[in-house]
Amino acid sequence: MNKKIISRVANVEPHREGYGFGLGVAVRTDPGLAAVPGNVGEYSWNGAYGTGFFADPQAKLVVVFGTAAPGELRKYYREQIQNLVYGAMTR
């Protein structure tokens, strides 16, 4: 029997549409769907109260951050951190 794992990442954090799961982390699987910059293959995990990390092998980038944000505010900060980091990068 062939079963597909349904990703619900975007149900919790809408800016992360196009992510699935692999080896215990969220993985960007589809280009052009997420509201945050990054490349297919980028992986991440978010912890409690706004902590988290993301790694983008194609961009040679790893970011670890810690915030103390209550409730829905932490989702806003996570999105902004990723936008700020990619926005500050130059090629």
N, C-alpha and C. Protein backbone atom coordinates (compact mmCIF):
# COMPACT_ATOMS: atom_id res chain seq x y z
N MET A 1 0.84 -1.18 0.00
CA MET A 1 0.00 0.00 0.00
C MET A 1 0.89 1.24 0.00
N ASN A 2 0.63 2.16 -0.88
CA ASN A 2 1.41 3.38 -1.03
C ASN A 2 0.67 4.54 -0.36
N LYS A 3 1.22 5.07 0.74
CA LYS A 3 0.58 6.17 1.45
C LYS A 3 1.45 7.41 1.35
N LYS A 4 0.83 8.54 1.21
CA LYS A 4 1.54 9.81 1.12
C LYS A 4 1.39 10.56 2.45
N ILE A 5 2.50 11.11 2.94
CA ILE A 5 2.46 11.92 4.14
C ILE A 5 1.97 13.31 3.75
N ILE A 6 0.92 13.75 4.39
CA ILE A 6 0.36 15.06 4.09
C ILE A 6 1.04 16.10 4.97
N SER A 7 1.59 17.12 4.34
CA SER A 7 2.27 18.18 5.07
C SER A 7 1.27 19.22 5.54
N ARG A 8 1.34 19.56 6.81
CA ARG A 8 0.46 20.58 7.36
C ARG A 8 1.27 21.77 7.90
N VAL A 9 2.50 21.94 7.41
CA VAL A 9 3.36 23.02 7.86
C VAL A 9 2.67 24.36 7.64
N ALA A 10 2.09 24.56 6.47
CA ALA A 10 1.47 25.85 6.14
C ALA A 10 0.18 26.09 6.94
N ASN A 11 -0.42 25.05 7.51
CA ASN A 11 -1.58 25.26 8.36
C ASN A 11 -1.19 25.98 9.65
N VAL A 12 0.01 25.71 10.13
CA VAL A 12 0.50 26.31 11.36
C VAL A 12 1.20 27.64 11.08
N GLU A 13 2.01 27.68 10.03
CA GLU A 13 2.73 28.89 9.65
C GLU A 13 2.50 29.13 8.16
N PRO A 14 1.49 29.94 7.81
CA PRO A 14 1.10 30.12 6.42
C PRO A 14 2.22 30.62 5.49
N HIS A 15 3.21 31.31 6.02
CA HIS A 15 4.30 31.81 5.17
C HIS A 15 5.20 30.67 4.68
N ARG A 16 4.99 29.45 5.17
CA ARG A 16 5.83 28.32 4.79
C ARG A 16 5.10 27.31 3.90
N GLU A 17 4.29 27.81 3.00
CA GLU A 17 3.65 26.94 1.99
C GLU A 17 4.74 26.33 1.12
N GLY A 18 4.59 25.08 0.73
CA GLY A 18 5.59 24.42 -0.11
C GLY A 18 6.64 23.66 0.67
N TYR A 19 6.45 23.51 1.98
CA TYR A 19 7.37 22.73 2.82
C TYR A 19 6.76 21.37 3.10
N GLY A 20 7.61 20.36 3.23
CA GLY A 20 7.21 19.03 3.65
C GLY A 20 8.07 18.64 4.84
N PHE A 21 8.15 17.34 5.11
CA PHE A 21 8.96 16.88 6.23
C PHE A 21 9.96 15.84 5.78
N GLY A 22 11.14 15.85 6.40
CA GLY A 22 12.15 14.85 6.13
C GLY A 22 13.12 14.76 7.29
N LEU A 23 13.32 13.58 7.80
CA LEU A 23 14.27 13.32 8.90
C LEU A 23 14.07 14.25 10.09
N GLY A 24 12.83 14.54 10.43
CA GLY A 24 12.51 15.31 11.63
C GLY A 24 12.56 16.81 11.48
N VAL A 25 12.73 17.32 10.27
CA VAL A 25 12.75 18.77 10.05
C VAL A 25 11.80 19.12 8.90
N ALA A 26 11.39 20.38 8.85
CA ALA A 26 10.61 20.86 7.71
C ALA A 26 11.57 21.12 6.57
N VAL A 27 11.20 20.71 5.36
CA VAL A 27 12.06 20.86 4.19
C VAL A 27 11.27 21.55 3.08
N ARG A 28 11.89 22.59 2.48
CA ARG A 28 11.24 23.25 1.35
C ARG A 28 11.32 22.31 0.15
N THR A 29 10.16 21.90 -0.33
CA THR A 29 10.11 20.95 -1.43
C THR A 29 9.64 21.56 -2.75
N ASP A 30 8.94 22.68 -2.68
CA ASP A 30 8.39 23.30 -3.88
C ASP A 30 8.87 24.74 -4.00
N PRO A 31 9.39 25.13 -5.16
CA PRO A 31 9.84 26.52 -5.33
C PRO A 31 8.65 27.46 -5.55
N GLY A 32 8.80 28.69 -5.10
CA GLY A 32 7.83 29.73 -5.42
C GLY A 32 6.54 29.75 -4.63
N LEU A 33 6.38 28.91 -3.62
CA LEU A 33 5.14 28.89 -2.85
C LEU A 33 5.25 29.62 -1.52
N ALA A 34 6.40 29.52 -0.86
CA ALA A 34 6.58 30.13 0.46
C ALA A 34 6.67 31.65 0.34
N ALA A 35 6.22 32.33 1.38
CA ALA A 35 6.27 33.79 1.42
C ALA A 35 7.61 34.30 1.93
N VAL A 36 8.53 33.39 2.23
CA VAL A 36 9.86 33.77 2.69
C VAL A 36 10.89 33.31 1.65
N PRO A 37 12.02 34.03 1.55
CA PRO A 37 13.04 33.64 0.58
C PRO A 37 13.73 32.35 0.99
N GLY A 38 14.32 31.68 0.02
CA GLY A 38 15.04 30.44 0.27
C GLY A 38 15.04 29.59 -0.97
N ASN A 39 15.69 28.45 -0.88
CA ASN A 39 15.83 27.54 -2.01
C ASN A 39 15.25 26.17 -1.68
N VAL A 40 14.87 25.43 -2.71
CA VAL A 40 14.43 24.05 -2.50
C VAL A 40 15.56 23.30 -1.81
N GLY A 41 15.23 22.55 -0.78
CA GLY A 41 16.24 21.84 0.00
C GLY A 41 16.56 22.53 1.31
N GLU A 42 16.13 23.77 1.47
CA GLU A 42 16.32 24.47 2.75
C GLU A 42 15.54 23.69 3.81
N TYR A 43 16.10 23.55 4.98
CA TYR A 43 15.41 22.83 6.05
C TYR A 43 15.43 23.64 7.32
N SER A 44 14.45 23.38 8.19
CA SER A 44 14.31 24.21 9.39
C SER A 44 13.51 23.48 10.45
N TRP A 45 13.62 24.02 11.65
CA TRP A 45 12.77 23.57 12.75
C TRP A 45 12.58 24.72 13.70
N ASN A 46 11.36 24.85 14.20
CA ASN A 46 11.03 25.91 15.15
C ASN A 46 10.74 25.31 16.50
N GLY A 47 11.29 25.94 17.52
CA GLY A 47 11.07 25.49 18.89
C GLY A 47 10.03 26.34 19.59
N ALA A 48 9.89 26.11 20.87
CA ALA A 48 8.91 26.83 21.67
C ALA A 48 9.30 28.30 21.84
N TYR A 49 8.32 29.14 21.91
CA TYR A 49 8.46 30.57 22.22
C TYR A 49 9.32 31.35 21.23
N GLY A 50 9.45 30.85 20.00
CA GLY A 50 10.12 31.64 18.98
C GLY A 50 11.54 31.24 18.64
N THR A 51 12.07 30.21 19.28
CA THR A 51 13.42 29.77 18.91
C THR A 51 13.35 29.00 17.60
N GLY A 52 14.47 28.87 16.93
CA GLY A 52 14.45 28.10 15.70
C GLY A 52 15.77 28.14 14.96
N PHE A 53 15.82 27.43 13.85
CA PHE A 53 16.98 27.47 12.97
C PHE A 53 16.51 27.19 11.55
N PHE A 54 17.28 27.64 10.60
CA PHE A 54 17.09 27.22 9.22
C PHE A 54 18.44 27.13 8.56
N ALA A 55 18.56 26.20 7.62
CA ALA A 55 19.80 25.98 6.88
C ALA A 55 19.45 25.86 5.41
N ASP A 56 20.21 26.56 4.58
CA ASP A 56 20.01 26.53 3.14
C ASP A 56 21.32 26.11 2.50
N PRO A 57 21.48 24.82 2.21
CA PRO A 57 22.75 24.33 1.64
C PRO A 57 23.14 25.04 0.35
N GLN A 58 22.19 25.36 -0.49
CA GLN A 58 22.50 26.02 -1.76
C GLN A 58 23.09 27.41 -1.54
N ALA A 59 22.60 28.13 -0.53
CA ALA A 59 23.10 29.47 -0.21
C ALA A 59 24.28 29.42 0.76
N LYS A 60 24.67 28.20 1.20
CA LYS A 60 25.74 28.03 2.19
C LYS A 60 25.45 28.87 3.44
N LEU A 61 24.25 28.67 3.99
CA LEU A 61 23.75 29.50 5.06
C LEU A 61 23.15 28.65 6.17
N VAL A 62 23.51 28.97 7.42
CA VAL A 62 22.88 28.37 8.60
C VAL A 62 22.58 29.51 9.57
N VAL A 63 21.35 29.55 10.07
CA VAL A 63 20.94 30.60 11.00
C VAL A 63 20.26 29.94 12.20
N VAL A 64 20.70 30.31 13.39
CA VAL A 64 20.07 29.86 14.64
C VAL A 64 19.67 31.12 15.38
N PHE A 65 18.43 31.15 15.87
CA PHE A 65 17.96 32.35 16.56
C PHE A 65 17.13 31.97 17.77
N GLY A 66 17.10 32.88 18.72
CA GLY A 66 16.30 32.70 19.92
C GLY A 66 15.55 33.97 20.24
N THR A 67 14.27 33.86 20.37
CA THR A 67 13.45 34.99 20.78
C THR A 67 12.56 34.53 21.93
N ALA A 68 11.97 35.46 22.60
CA ALA A 68 11.01 35.15 23.65
C ALA A 68 9.70 35.85 23.28
N ALA A 69 8.97 35.24 22.37
CA ALA A 69 7.76 35.85 21.84
C ALA A 69 6.54 35.00 22.20
N PRO A 70 5.53 35.61 22.78
CA PRO A 70 4.34 34.86 23.15
C PRO A 70 3.39 34.65 21.97
N GLY A 71 2.64 33.58 22.01
CA GLY A 71 1.54 33.34 21.07
C GLY A 71 1.90 33.47 19.60
N GLU A 72 0.98 34.08 18.86
CA GLU A 72 1.13 34.22 17.42
C GLU A 72 2.26 35.16 17.02
N LEU A 73 2.72 36.00 17.92
CA LEU A 73 3.79 36.95 17.62
C LEU A 73 5.06 36.23 17.19
N ARG A 74 5.32 35.05 17.75
CA ARG A 74 6.54 34.33 17.39
C ARG A 74 6.56 33.94 15.92
N LYS A 75 5.40 33.65 15.32
CA LYS A 75 5.35 33.32 13.89
C LYS A 75 5.75 34.52 13.05
N TYR A 76 5.32 35.69 13.46
CA TYR A 76 5.70 36.92 12.76
C TYR A 76 7.20 37.12 12.81
N TYR A 77 7.80 36.94 13.99
CA TYR A 77 9.25 37.11 14.13
C TYR A 77 10.01 36.11 13.29
N ARG A 78 9.57 34.86 13.25
CA ARG A 78 10.25 33.84 12.44
C ARG A 78 10.27 34.24 10.97
N GLU A 79 9.14 34.72 10.48
CA GLU A 79 9.06 35.15 9.09
C GLU A 79 9.99 36.34 8.84
N GLN A 80 9.99 37.30 9.75
CA GLN A 80 10.80 38.50 9.58
C GLN A 80 12.29 38.18 9.64
N ILE A 81 12.70 37.28 10.51
CA ILE A 81 14.12 36.92 10.61
C ILE A 81 14.61 36.35 9.28
N GLN A 82 13.83 35.47 8.68
CA GLN A 82 14.25 34.88 7.41
C GLN A 82 14.30 35.95 6.32
N ASN A 83 13.33 36.84 6.28
CA ASN A 83 13.34 37.94 5.30
C ASN A 83 14.55 38.84 5.50
N LEU A 84 14.86 39.18 6.74
CA LEU A 84 16.00 40.06 7.03
C LEU A 84 17.33 39.43 6.66
N VAL A 85 17.51 38.16 6.98
CA VAL A 85 18.78 37.49 6.68
C VAL A 85 19.01 37.41 5.18
N TYR A 86 18.05 36.94 4.43
CA TYR A 86 18.21 36.84 2.98
C TYR A 86 18.33 38.23 2.34
N GLY A 87 17.60 39.20 2.89
CA GLY A 87 17.67 40.56 2.37
C GLY A 87 19.02 41.21 2.58
N ALA A 88 19.75 40.79 3.61
CA ALA A 88 21.06 41.36 3.90
C ALA A 88 22.19 40.69 3.12
N MET A 89 21.91 39.58 2.48
CA MET A 89 22.95 38.85 1.75
C MET A 89 23.24 39.53 0.43
N THR A 90 24.52 39.58 0.09
CA THR A 90 24.94 40.08 -1.22
C THR A 90 25.68 38.97 -1.94
N ARG A 91 25.69 39.03 -3.23
CA ARG A 91 26.35 37.97 -4.00
C ARG A 91 27.62 38.49 -4.60
